[in-house]
Amino acid sequence: MSKNRYKNGVIKQILKDHFDGFWNLHDTRFPEAYRKDIKETVWKAIRCGTRDLGYSRYECLGCEGKPDPVFVCFTCKSRFCHKCGKKYTDDWSDKQQEMIFNVPHRHMVFTVPKELRNIFFQDRKKLNELAKKVAEVFQFYYHRKSKKRGLQVGVITVYIHSEGI
């Protein structure tokens, strides 16, 4: 298999090669309300950085000879996309670091029990409600734990990984 085949990324190539087959076999496993969005998001990621999503054309009209125009393809700007999602995450992380006080931090992880995952799979909006409640629990816990010192706890974000739900 040639290296050139993966010049746009392994994940993108896997999606290109296998998403249609996967979708034909498994689309009914996803809630009907989300199927159109899922399929559209995957296809945007597959076409990210190609002329399919549009492009800007640049060329020097004042140059001698006939220089070749340069095409800059648009990106999908989806968090699902391995390229755009990484950029989104990096930008978000940089922004958070600028705002965070220079104080000790904790990284906490909340895991949805396997028995409850189907509830969130069927109604993704419940993930936002859960995230708010988890943040409240963390704040309550650390408020009680630090009562004597009078510390106030802040929660930057609660992100619930939905991969696998």
N, C-alpha and C. Protein backbone atom coordinates (compact mmCIF):
# COMPACT_ATOMS: atom_id res chain seq x y z
N MET A 1 0.85 -1.19 0.00
CA MET A 1 0.00 0.00 0.00
C MET A 1 0.89 1.24 0.00
N SER A 2 0.64 2.17 -0.86
CA SER A 2 1.52 3.33 -0.98
C SER A 2 1.28 4.34 0.13
N LYS A 3 2.36 5.05 0.50
CA LYS A 3 2.25 6.10 1.51
C LYS A 3 1.35 7.22 1.01
N ASN A 4 1.36 7.45 -0.28
CA ASN A 4 0.57 8.53 -0.88
C ASN A 4 -0.92 8.40 -0.58
N ARG A 5 -1.38 7.18 -0.44
CA ARG A 5 -2.79 6.92 -0.17
C ARG A 5 -3.24 7.61 1.13
N TYR A 6 -2.30 7.76 2.09
CA TYR A 6 -2.64 8.33 3.38
C TYR A 6 -2.17 9.76 3.56
N LYS A 7 -1.85 10.44 2.47
CA LYS A 7 -1.31 11.79 2.60
C LYS A 7 -2.28 12.74 3.29
N ASN A 8 -3.57 12.47 3.23
CA ASN A 8 -4.56 13.33 3.89
C ASN A 8 -4.99 12.78 5.25
N GLY A 9 -4.33 11.74 5.72
CA GLY A 9 -4.64 11.21 7.03
C GLY A 9 -5.26 9.83 6.99
N VAL A 10 -4.84 9.03 7.92
CA VAL A 10 -5.32 7.66 8.02
C VAL A 10 -6.81 7.62 8.36
N ILE A 11 -7.22 8.43 9.33
CA ILE A 11 -8.63 8.43 9.75
C ILE A 11 -9.53 8.79 8.57
N LYS A 12 -9.15 9.83 7.86
CA LYS A 12 -9.94 10.26 6.71
C LYS A 12 -10.04 9.14 5.67
N GLN A 13 -8.93 8.45 5.42
CA GLN A 13 -8.93 7.37 4.44
C GLN A 13 -9.81 6.20 4.91
N ILE A 14 -9.76 5.89 6.19
CA ILE A 14 -10.61 4.82 6.72
C ILE A 14 -12.08 5.19 6.54
N LEU A 15 -12.43 6.43 6.86
CA LEU A 15 -13.81 6.87 6.67
C LEU A 15 -14.20 6.78 5.20
N LYS A 16 -13.31 7.24 4.32
CA LYS A 16 -13.59 7.20 2.88
C LYS A 16 -13.84 5.77 2.42
N ASP A 17 -12.99 4.87 2.87
CA ASP A 17 -13.05 3.48 2.41
C ASP A 17 -14.20 2.68 3.02
N HIS A 18 -14.59 3.01 4.25
CA HIS A 18 -15.48 2.09 4.97
C HIS A 18 -16.78 2.69 5.51
N PHE A 19 -16.94 4.01 5.49
CA PHE A 19 -18.14 4.57 6.11
C PHE A 19 -19.42 4.12 5.41
N ASP A 20 -19.43 4.12 4.09
CA ASP A 20 -20.66 3.70 3.38
C ASP A 20 -21.10 2.30 3.79
N GLY A 21 -20.16 1.37 3.80
CA GLY A 21 -20.49 0.00 4.19
C GLY A 21 -20.98 -0.08 5.63
N PHE A 22 -20.27 0.64 6.52
CA PHE A 22 -20.68 0.68 7.92
C PHE A 22 -22.09 1.25 8.05
N TRP A 23 -22.33 2.36 7.37
CA TRP A 23 -23.61 3.05 7.49
C TRP A 23 -24.75 2.18 6.95
N ASN A 24 -24.51 1.51 5.84
CA ASN A 24 -25.55 0.64 5.27
C ASN A 24 -25.92 -0.49 6.22
N LEU A 25 -24.96 -0.98 6.98
CA LEU A 25 -25.23 -2.07 7.92
C LEU A 25 -25.78 -1.61 9.26
N HIS A 26 -25.37 -0.40 9.70
CA HIS A 26 -25.62 -0.02 11.09
C HIS A 26 -26.39 1.27 11.30
N ASP A 27 -26.90 1.91 10.28
CA ASP A 27 -27.56 3.21 10.48
C ASP A 27 -28.74 3.13 11.44
N THR A 28 -29.41 2.00 11.48
CA THR A 28 -30.58 1.88 12.36
C THR A 28 -30.20 1.80 13.84
N ARG A 29 -28.93 1.62 14.14
CA ARG A 29 -28.48 1.59 15.54
C ARG A 29 -28.47 2.99 16.15
N PHE A 30 -28.54 4.00 15.29
CA PHE A 30 -28.51 5.39 15.76
C PHE A 30 -29.92 5.95 15.80
N PRO A 31 -30.20 6.83 16.76
CA PRO A 31 -31.54 7.43 16.81
C PRO A 31 -31.85 8.13 15.48
N GLU A 32 -33.06 7.93 15.02
CA GLU A 32 -33.45 8.47 13.71
C GLU A 32 -33.24 9.98 13.62
N ALA A 33 -33.49 10.67 14.72
CA ALA A 33 -33.36 12.13 14.72
C ALA A 33 -31.93 12.59 14.44
N TYR A 34 -30.93 11.73 14.67
CA TYR A 34 -29.53 12.12 14.50
C TYR A 34 -28.90 11.58 13.23
N ARG A 35 -29.55 10.67 12.54
CA ARG A 35 -28.94 9.99 11.39
C ARG A 35 -28.48 10.96 10.31
N LYS A 36 -29.31 11.89 9.96
CA LYS A 36 -28.96 12.84 8.90
C LYS A 36 -27.73 13.66 9.31
N ASP A 37 -27.71 14.13 10.55
CA ASP A 37 -26.57 14.93 11.02
C ASP A 37 -25.29 14.12 11.09
N ILE A 38 -25.39 12.87 11.53
CA ILE A 38 -24.21 12.02 11.62
C ILE A 38 -23.61 11.82 10.24
N LYS A 39 -24.46 11.45 9.29
CA LYS A 39 -23.98 11.19 7.94
C LYS A 39 -23.37 12.46 7.32
N GLU A 40 -24.03 13.58 7.51
CA GLU A 40 -23.54 14.85 6.96
C GLU A 40 -22.20 15.23 7.59
N THR A 41 -22.07 15.04 8.89
CA THR A 41 -20.82 15.38 9.59
C THR A 41 -19.67 14.52 9.10
N VAL A 42 -19.91 13.24 8.92
CA VAL A 42 -18.85 12.35 8.44
C VAL A 42 -18.45 12.74 7.02
N TRP A 43 -19.42 13.03 6.16
CA TRP A 43 -19.09 13.40 4.78
C TRP A 43 -18.36 14.72 4.71
N LYS A 44 -18.68 15.65 5.59
CA LYS A 44 -17.93 16.91 5.64
C LYS A 44 -16.48 16.64 6.01
N ALA A 45 -16.27 15.78 6.99
CA ALA A 45 -14.91 15.46 7.43
C ALA A 45 -14.13 14.77 6.31
N ILE A 46 -14.79 13.91 5.57
CA ILE A 46 -14.14 13.22 4.45
C ILE A 46 -13.74 14.23 3.38
N ARG A 47 -14.58 15.22 3.14
CA ARG A 47 -14.31 16.21 2.08
C ARG A 47 -13.52 17.42 2.58
N CYS A 48 -13.19 17.46 3.86
CA CYS A 48 -12.47 18.59 4.44
C CYS A 48 -11.16 18.82 3.70
N GLY A 49 -10.89 20.08 3.37
CA GLY A 49 -9.63 20.42 2.71
C GLY A 49 -9.58 20.06 1.24
N THR A 50 -10.74 19.72 0.67
CA THR A 50 -10.79 19.42 -0.77
C THR A 50 -11.62 20.51 -1.45
N ARG A 51 -11.57 20.52 -2.75
CA ARG A 51 -12.34 21.52 -3.50
C ARG A 51 -13.85 21.32 -3.37
N ASP A 52 -14.25 20.14 -2.91
CA ASP A 52 -15.69 19.86 -2.74
C ASP A 52 -16.37 20.86 -1.81
N LEU A 53 -15.64 21.36 -0.81
CA LEU A 53 -16.22 22.32 0.15
C LEU A 53 -15.96 23.77 -0.27
N GLY A 54 -15.38 23.93 -1.43
CA GLY A 54 -15.08 25.28 -1.92
C GLY A 54 -13.62 25.63 -1.71
N TYR A 55 -13.21 26.72 -2.34
CA TYR A 55 -11.81 27.11 -2.26
C TYR A 55 -11.66 28.57 -2.66
N SER A 56 -10.50 29.11 -2.33
CA SER A 56 -10.11 30.44 -2.81
C SER A 56 -9.00 30.23 -3.81
N ARG A 57 -9.03 31.01 -4.85
CA ARG A 57 -8.02 30.90 -5.91
C ARG A 57 -7.19 32.18 -5.88
N TYR A 58 -5.89 32.01 -5.81
CA TYR A 58 -4.98 33.15 -5.79
C TYR A 58 -4.04 33.05 -6.98
N GLU A 59 -3.89 34.18 -7.65
CA GLU A 59 -2.91 34.22 -8.72
C GLU A 59 -2.42 35.65 -8.90
N CYS A 60 -1.19 35.77 -9.32
CA CYS A 60 -0.59 37.08 -9.49
C CYS A 60 -0.81 37.52 -10.93
N LEU A 61 -1.63 38.54 -11.09
CA LEU A 61 -1.92 39.03 -12.44
C LEU A 61 -0.81 39.93 -12.95
N GLY A 62 0.07 40.38 -12.05
CA GLY A 62 1.16 41.26 -12.46
C GLY A 62 2.46 40.53 -12.76
N CYS A 63 2.50 39.25 -12.52
CA CYS A 63 3.73 38.49 -12.75
C CYS A 63 3.90 38.16 -14.22
N GLU A 64 5.18 38.15 -14.64
CA GLU A 64 5.46 37.77 -16.03
C GLU A 64 5.33 36.27 -16.18
N GLY A 65 5.12 35.87 -17.40
CA GLY A 65 4.89 34.45 -17.66
C GLY A 65 3.47 34.13 -17.23
N LYS A 66 3.20 32.91 -17.07
CA LYS A 66 1.87 32.53 -16.60
C LYS A 66 2.02 31.68 -15.36
N PRO A 67 2.19 32.34 -14.19
CA PRO A 67 2.33 31.54 -12.97
C PRO A 67 1.04 30.75 -12.69
N ASP A 68 1.23 29.55 -12.17
CA ASP A 68 0.08 28.72 -11.84
C ASP A 68 -0.69 29.33 -10.67
N PRO A 69 -2.01 29.31 -10.74
CA PRO A 69 -2.78 29.80 -9.60
C PRO A 69 -2.62 28.85 -8.41
N VAL A 70 -2.82 29.39 -7.23
CA VAL A 70 -2.76 28.59 -6.01
C VAL A 70 -4.18 28.47 -5.48
N PHE A 71 -4.57 27.24 -5.17
CA PHE A 71 -5.90 26.99 -4.64
C PHE A 71 -5.79 26.65 -3.15
N VAL A 72 -6.56 27.35 -2.34
CA VAL A 72 -6.60 27.07 -0.91
C VAL A 72 -8.00 26.55 -0.60
N CYS A 73 -8.06 25.27 -0.28
CA CYS A 73 -9.37 24.62 -0.06
C CYS A 73 -9.91 24.94 1.33
N PHE A 74 -11.23 25.07 1.42
CA PHE A 74 -11.89 25.36 2.69
C PHE A 74 -11.95 24.10 3.54
N THR A 75 -12.03 24.31 4.84
CA THR A 75 -12.13 23.18 5.77
C THR A 75 -13.57 23.04 6.24
N CYS A 76 -13.87 21.93 6.88
CA CYS A 76 -15.24 21.66 7.32
C CYS A 76 -15.58 22.34 8.64
N LYS A 77 -14.58 22.67 9.45
CA LYS A 77 -14.75 23.32 10.76
C LYS A 77 -15.59 22.49 11.74
N SER A 78 -15.55 21.19 11.57
CA SER A 78 -16.31 20.30 12.45
C SER A 78 -15.40 19.75 13.54
N ARG A 79 -15.92 19.66 14.76
CA ARG A 79 -15.13 19.07 15.85
C ARG A 79 -14.93 17.58 15.64
N PHE A 80 -15.74 16.96 14.81
CA PHE A 80 -15.60 15.53 14.52
C PHE A 80 -14.37 15.27 13.65
N CYS A 81 -14.05 16.19 12.79
CA CYS A 81 -12.93 16.05 11.85
C CYS A 81 -11.61 16.00 12.62
N HIS A 82 -10.73 15.08 12.24
CA HIS A 82 -9.47 14.94 12.96
C HIS A 82 -8.60 16.18 12.85
N LYS A 83 -8.66 16.90 11.75
CA LYS A 83 -7.86 18.12 11.58
C LYS A 83 -8.52 19.32 12.24
N CYS A 84 -9.76 19.59 11.88
CA CYS A 84 -10.47 20.76 12.40
C CYS A 84 -10.75 20.61 13.90
N GLY A 85 -11.06 19.41 14.32
CA GLY A 85 -11.32 19.17 15.74
C GLY A 85 -10.10 19.43 16.58
N LYS A 86 -8.94 19.04 16.08
CA LYS A 86 -7.69 19.29 16.80
C LYS A 86 -7.45 20.79 16.90
N LYS A 87 -7.67 21.51 15.82
CA LYS A 87 -7.47 22.96 15.83
C LYS A 87 -8.44 23.61 16.82
N TYR A 88 -9.69 23.17 16.79
CA TYR A 88 -10.71 23.70 17.71
C TYR A 88 -10.28 23.46 19.16
N THR A 89 -9.83 22.25 19.46
CA THR A 89 -9.41 21.90 20.82
C THR A 89 -8.19 22.71 21.25
N ASP A 90 -7.22 22.83 20.36
CA ASP A 90 -6.02 23.61 20.68
C ASP A 90 -6.36 25.07 20.95
N ASP A 91 -7.21 25.66 20.10
CA ASP A 91 -7.62 27.05 20.29
C ASP A 91 -8.36 27.23 21.62
N TRP A 92 -9.28 26.30 21.92
CA TRP A 92 -10.04 26.36 23.16
C TRP A 92 -9.10 26.26 24.35
N SER A 93 -8.15 25.32 24.29
CA SER A 93 -7.21 25.11 25.38
C SER A 93 -6.35 26.36 25.61
N ASP A 94 -5.86 26.96 24.55
CA ASP A 94 -5.06 28.19 24.67
C ASP A 94 -5.87 29.30 25.35
N LYS A 95 -7.13 29.43 24.94
CA LYS A 95 -8.01 30.46 25.50
C LYS A 95 -8.23 30.22 27.00
N GLN A 96 -8.44 28.95 27.38
CA GLN A 96 -8.65 28.63 28.79
C GLN A 96 -7.41 28.94 29.61
N GLN A 97 -6.23 28.60 29.08
CA GLN A 97 -4.99 28.83 29.81
C GLN A 97 -4.75 30.32 30.07
N GLU A 98 -5.20 31.17 29.16
CA GLU A 98 -5.07 32.61 29.36
C GLU A 98 -5.95 33.10 30.51
N MET A 99 -7.07 32.43 30.75
CA MET A 99 -8.04 32.88 31.75
C MET A 99 -7.85 32.24 33.13
N ILE A 100 -7.12 31.15 33.21
CA ILE A 100 -7.00 30.40 34.47
C ILE A 100 -6.02 31.11 35.41
N PHE A 101 -6.41 31.21 36.67
CA PHE A 101 -5.51 31.75 37.69
C PHE A 101 -4.38 30.76 37.95
N ASN A 102 -3.28 31.25 38.40
CA ASN A 102 -2.13 30.40 38.70
C ASN A 102 -2.32 29.79 40.09
N VAL A 103 -3.22 28.83 40.17
CA VAL A 103 -3.53 28.13 41.41
C VAL A 103 -3.56 26.63 41.12
N PRO A 104 -3.50 25.79 42.16
CA PRO A 104 -3.57 24.35 41.92
C PRO A 104 -4.89 23.96 41.23
N HIS A 105 -4.80 23.00 40.35
CA HIS A 105 -5.97 22.53 39.60
C HIS A 105 -6.14 21.04 39.79
N ARG A 106 -7.34 20.59 39.59
CA ARG A 106 -7.65 19.17 39.61
C ARG A 106 -8.32 18.80 38.29
N HIS A 107 -7.98 17.62 37.82
CA HIS A 107 -8.64 17.07 36.63
C HIS A 107 -9.50 15.92 37.14
N MET A 108 -10.78 16.03 36.93
CA MET A 108 -11.69 14.99 37.41
C MET A 108 -12.43 14.36 36.24
N VAL A 109 -12.68 13.09 36.35
CA VAL A 109 -13.35 12.36 35.28
C VAL A 109 -14.61 11.72 35.86
N PHE A 110 -15.70 11.90 35.14
CA PHE A 110 -16.96 11.28 35.52
C PHE A 110 -17.31 10.29 34.41
N THR A 111 -17.57 9.06 34.79
CA THR A 111 -17.88 8.02 33.83
C THR A 111 -19.35 7.63 33.95
N VAL A 112 -20.03 7.59 32.82
CA VAL A 112 -21.43 7.17 32.81
C VAL A 112 -21.45 5.64 32.89
N PRO A 113 -22.15 5.10 33.90
CA PRO A 113 -22.22 3.64 34.00
C PRO A 113 -22.82 3.02 32.74
N LYS A 114 -22.30 1.87 32.39
CA LYS A 114 -22.73 1.18 31.18
C LYS A 114 -24.25 1.01 31.12
N GLU A 115 -24.86 0.76 32.28
CA GLU A 115 -26.30 0.52 32.34
C GLU A 115 -27.11 1.76 31.95
N LEU A 116 -26.52 2.95 32.02
CA LEU A 116 -27.25 4.18 31.72
C LEU A 116 -26.93 4.76 30.34
N ARG A 117 -25.96 4.21 29.66
CA ARG A 117 -25.48 4.81 28.41
C ARG A 117 -26.55 4.88 27.32
N ASN A 118 -27.41 3.89 27.27
CA ASN A 118 -28.44 3.89 26.22
C ASN A 118 -29.40 5.07 26.37
N ILE A 119 -29.64 5.50 27.60
CA ILE A 119 -30.52 6.66 27.85
C ILE A 119 -29.94 7.89 27.15
N PHE A 120 -28.63 8.09 27.28
CA PHE A 120 -27.98 9.25 26.67
C PHE A 120 -27.79 9.07 25.17
N PHE A 121 -27.65 7.84 24.74
CA PHE A 121 -27.55 7.55 23.31
C PHE A 121 -28.85 7.94 22.60
N GLN A 122 -29.97 7.69 23.25
CA GLN A 122 -31.27 7.98 22.65
C GLN A 122 -31.63 9.47 22.73
N ASP A 123 -31.16 10.16 23.76
CA ASP A 123 -31.48 11.58 23.93
C ASP A 123 -30.22 12.34 24.34
N ARG A 124 -29.50 12.84 23.35
CA ARG A 124 -28.21 13.48 23.58
C ARG A 124 -28.32 14.76 24.42
N LYS A 125 -29.47 15.39 24.43
CA LYS A 125 -29.64 16.62 25.22
C LYS A 125 -29.48 16.35 26.72
N LYS A 126 -29.75 15.13 27.11
CA LYS A 126 -29.60 14.77 28.52
C LYS A 126 -28.13 14.82 28.96
N LEU A 127 -27.20 14.73 28.01
CA LEU A 127 -25.78 14.85 28.34
C LEU A 127 -25.47 16.24 28.91
N ASN A 128 -26.08 17.28 28.36
CA ASN A 128 -25.87 18.64 28.88
C ASN A 128 -26.42 18.76 30.30
N GLU A 129 -27.60 18.19 30.52
CA GLU A 129 -28.18 18.22 31.86
C GLU A 129 -27.26 17.48 32.84
N LEU A 130 -26.76 16.33 32.42
CA LEU A 130 -25.87 15.56 33.26
C LEU A 130 -24.60 16.35 33.57
N ALA A 131 -24.03 17.00 32.56
CA ALA A 131 -22.81 17.78 32.76
C ALA A 131 -23.01 18.86 33.82
N LYS A 132 -24.15 19.53 33.78
CA LYS A 132 -24.43 20.57 34.78
C LYS A 132 -24.53 19.98 36.18
N LYS A 133 -25.18 18.84 36.29
CA LYS A 133 -25.33 18.19 37.60
C LYS A 133 -23.98 17.68 38.12
N VAL A 134 -23.16 17.15 37.25
CA VAL A 134 -21.83 16.69 37.66
C VAL A 134 -21.02 17.87 38.17
N ALA A 135 -21.09 19.01 37.48
CA ALA A 135 -20.37 20.22 37.93
C ALA A 135 -20.87 20.64 39.31
N GLU A 136 -22.17 20.58 39.53
CA GLU A 136 -22.73 20.93 40.84
C GLU A 136 -22.22 20.00 41.93
N VAL A 137 -22.13 18.71 41.62
CA VAL A 137 -21.64 17.74 42.60
C VAL A 137 -20.19 18.04 42.94
N PHE A 138 -19.36 18.29 41.94
CA PHE A 138 -17.95 18.62 42.19
C PHE A 138 -17.83 19.89 43.04
N GLN A 139 -18.61 20.89 42.71
CA GLN A 139 -18.56 22.14 43.47
C GLN A 139 -19.00 21.90 44.92
N PHE A 140 -20.08 21.16 45.11
CA PHE A 140 -20.58 20.86 46.45
C PHE A 140 -19.52 20.10 47.25
N TYR A 141 -18.94 19.10 46.64
CA TYR A 141 -17.93 18.28 47.33
C TYR A 141 -16.75 19.13 47.79
N TYR A 142 -16.20 19.93 46.89
CA TYR A 142 -15.03 20.72 47.25
C TYR A 142 -15.38 21.89 48.16
N HIS A 143 -16.59 22.39 48.09
CA HIS A 143 -17.03 23.43 49.02
C HIS A 143 -17.06 22.86 50.44
N ARG A 144 -17.63 21.68 50.60
CA ARG A 144 -17.70 21.03 51.92
C ARG A 144 -16.30 20.67 52.43
N LYS A 145 -15.46 20.22 51.52
CA LYS A 145 -14.11 19.79 51.89
C LYS A 145 -13.25 20.98 52.34
N SER A 146 -13.51 22.16 51.81
CA SER A 146 -12.65 23.31 52.10
C SER A 146 -13.35 24.38 52.95
N LYS A 147 -14.39 24.01 53.68
CA LYS A 147 -15.16 24.97 54.47
C LYS A 147 -14.28 25.79 55.42
N LYS A 148 -13.37 25.12 56.10
CA LYS A 148 -12.52 25.81 57.08
C LYS A 148 -11.64 26.88 56.43
N ARG A 149 -11.18 26.59 55.24
CA ARG A 149 -10.29 27.54 54.56
C ARG A 149 -11.07 28.58 53.75
N GLY A 150 -12.35 28.38 53.59
CA GLY A 150 -13.18 29.34 52.87
C GLY A 150 -12.87 29.44 51.38
N LEU A 151 -12.44 28.34 50.80
CA LEU A 151 -12.12 28.35 49.37
C LEU A 151 -13.38 28.25 48.54
N GLN A 152 -13.33 28.89 47.42
CA GLN A 152 -14.45 28.80 46.48
C GLN A 152 -13.98 28.05 45.25
N VAL A 153 -14.76 27.09 44.83
CA VAL A 153 -14.38 26.21 43.74
C VAL A 153 -15.03 26.67 42.44
N GLY A 154 -14.26 26.65 41.39
CA GLY A 154 -14.79 26.95 40.07
C GLY A 154 -14.64 25.75 39.17
N VAL A 155 -15.61 25.53 38.33
CA VAL A 155 -15.53 24.45 37.35
C VAL A 155 -15.43 25.10 35.99
N ILE A 156 -14.36 24.81 35.29
CA ILE A 156 -14.17 25.41 33.97
C ILE A 156 -15.13 24.79 32.98
N THR A 157 -15.12 23.48 32.92
CA THR A 157 -16.03 22.81 32.00
C THR A 157 -16.17 21.35 32.42
N VAL A 158 -17.26 20.83 32.04
CA VAL A 158 -17.45 19.40 32.20
C VAL A 158 -17.74 18.89 30.80
N TYR A 159 -16.82 18.13 30.27
CA TYR A 159 -17.00 17.56 28.93
C TYR A 159 -17.29 16.09 29.09
N ILE A 160 -18.36 15.66 28.51
CA ILE A 160 -18.70 14.26 28.59
C ILE A 160 -18.36 13.62 27.25
N HIS A 161 -17.39 12.70 27.31
CA HIS A 161 -17.01 11.99 26.09
C HIS A 161 -18.18 11.10 25.70
N SER A 162 -18.68 11.33 24.52
CA SER A 162 -19.84 10.54 24.09
C SER A 162 -19.46 9.43 23.13
N GLU A 163 -18.17 9.30 22.86
CA GLU A 163 -17.75 8.22 22.00
C GLU A 163 -18.06 6.91 22.74
N GLY A 164 -18.74 6.05 22.08
CA GLY A 164 -19.09 4.79 22.72
C GLY A 164 -20.45 4.79 23.36
N ILE A 165 -21.06 5.98 23.52
CA ILE A 165 -22.41 6.02 24.09
C ILE A 165 -23.38 5.77 22.98
